[in-house]
Protein backbone atom coordinates (compact mmCIF):
# COMPACT_ATOMS: atom_id res chain seq x y z
CA MET A 1 210.10 -23.33 237.38
CA ASP A 2 213.72 -24.22 236.60
CA THR A 3 213.02 -27.92 237.19
CA VAL A 4 210.00 -27.86 234.90
CA SER A 5 211.90 -26.14 232.08
CA ILE A 6 214.77 -28.63 232.40
CA VAL A 7 212.30 -31.53 232.24
CA VAL A 8 210.64 -30.01 229.16
CA GLU A 9 214.01 -29.61 227.43
CA VAL A 10 214.94 -33.22 228.20
CA VAL A 11 211.58 -34.43 226.88
CA VAL A 12 212.03 -32.46 223.64
CA VAL A 13 215.52 -33.90 223.12
CA VAL A 14 214.30 -37.45 223.84
CA LEU A 15 211.36 -37.04 221.46
CA VAL A 16 213.64 -35.76 218.68
CA VAL A 17 215.99 -38.72 219.16
CA VAL A 18 213.06 -41.15 219.23
CA VAL A 19 211.46 -39.69 216.08
CA VAL A 20 214.78 -40.24 214.31
CA GLN A 21 214.80 -43.86 215.48
CA GLY A 22 211.13 -44.42 214.63
CA GLU A 23 209.99 -45.89 217.96
CA LEU A 24 207.86 -42.92 218.93
CA VAL A 25 204.86 -44.43 220.71
CA VAL A 26 206.49 -46.53 223.46
CA VAL A 27 209.11 -44.00 224.46
CA ALA A 28 206.64 -41.12 224.21
CA VAL A 29 204.32 -42.89 226.66
CA VAL A 30 207.23 -43.54 229.04
CA VAL A 31 208.37 -39.91 228.77
CA VAL A 32 204.85 -38.59 229.40
CA VAL A 33 204.47 -40.84 232.46
CA VAL A 34 207.85 -39.70 233.83
CA VAL A 35 207.02 -36.02 233.23
CA VAL A 36 203.62 -36.41 234.92
CA LEU A 37 205.25 -38.12 237.91
CA VAL A 38 207.89 -35.37 238.18
CA LEU A 39 205.22 -32.67 237.98
CA VAL A 40 203.11 -34.45 240.64
CA VAL A 41 206.16 -34.63 242.94
CA VAL A 42 206.90 -30.92 242.35
CA VAL A 43 203.26 -29.99 243.09
CA VAL A 44 203.23 -32.13 246.26
CA VAL A 45 206.48 -30.54 247.47
CA VAL A 46 205.11 -27.04 246.80
CA VAL A 47 201.85 -27.84 248.63
CA VAL A 48 203.76 -29.26 251.62
CA VAL A 49 206.01 -26.18 251.77
CA VAL A 50 202.99 -23.85 251.60
CA VAL A 51 201.20 -25.78 254.37
CA VAL A 52 204.31 -25.72 256.58
CA VAL A 53 204.75 -21.97 256.02
CA VAL A 54 201.07 -21.32 256.83
CA VAL A 55 201.28 -23.41 260.02
CA VAL A 56 204.47 -21.62 261.13
CA VAL A 57 202.93 -18.19 260.42
CA VAL A 58 199.79 -19.12 262.38
CA GLU A 59 201.91 -20.34 265.32
CA VAL A 60 203.96 -17.13 265.30
CA VAL A 61 200.80 -14.99 265.17
CA VAL A 62 199.30 -16.94 268.10
CA VAL A 63 202.49 -16.47 270.16
CA VAL A 64 202.65 -12.74 269.31
CA VAL A 65 198.97 -12.29 270.24
CA LYS A 66 199.55 -14.09 273.59
CA VAL A 67 202.59 -11.91 274.32
CA VAL A 68 200.68 -8.73 273.42
CA VAL A 69 197.73 -9.80 275.61
CA VAL A 70 200.09 -10.55 278.53
CA VAL A 71 201.93 -7.23 278.09
CA VAL A 72 198.68 -5.25 277.80
């Protein structure tokens, strides 16, 4: 969430500067596109991490079950 809050702060600062300069539309579109791309990257990274963790947990459970079956 730190990354998202930093991005939001940067966007707010950029929008304030742009409003002062009067070129709102173009820069706002660019900023929105950049923010969306950053959020997509963050979501993809989170999904990949979750998938990796799930796969590792499943592998560990399978190994533990095999060991328990062998021991029993």
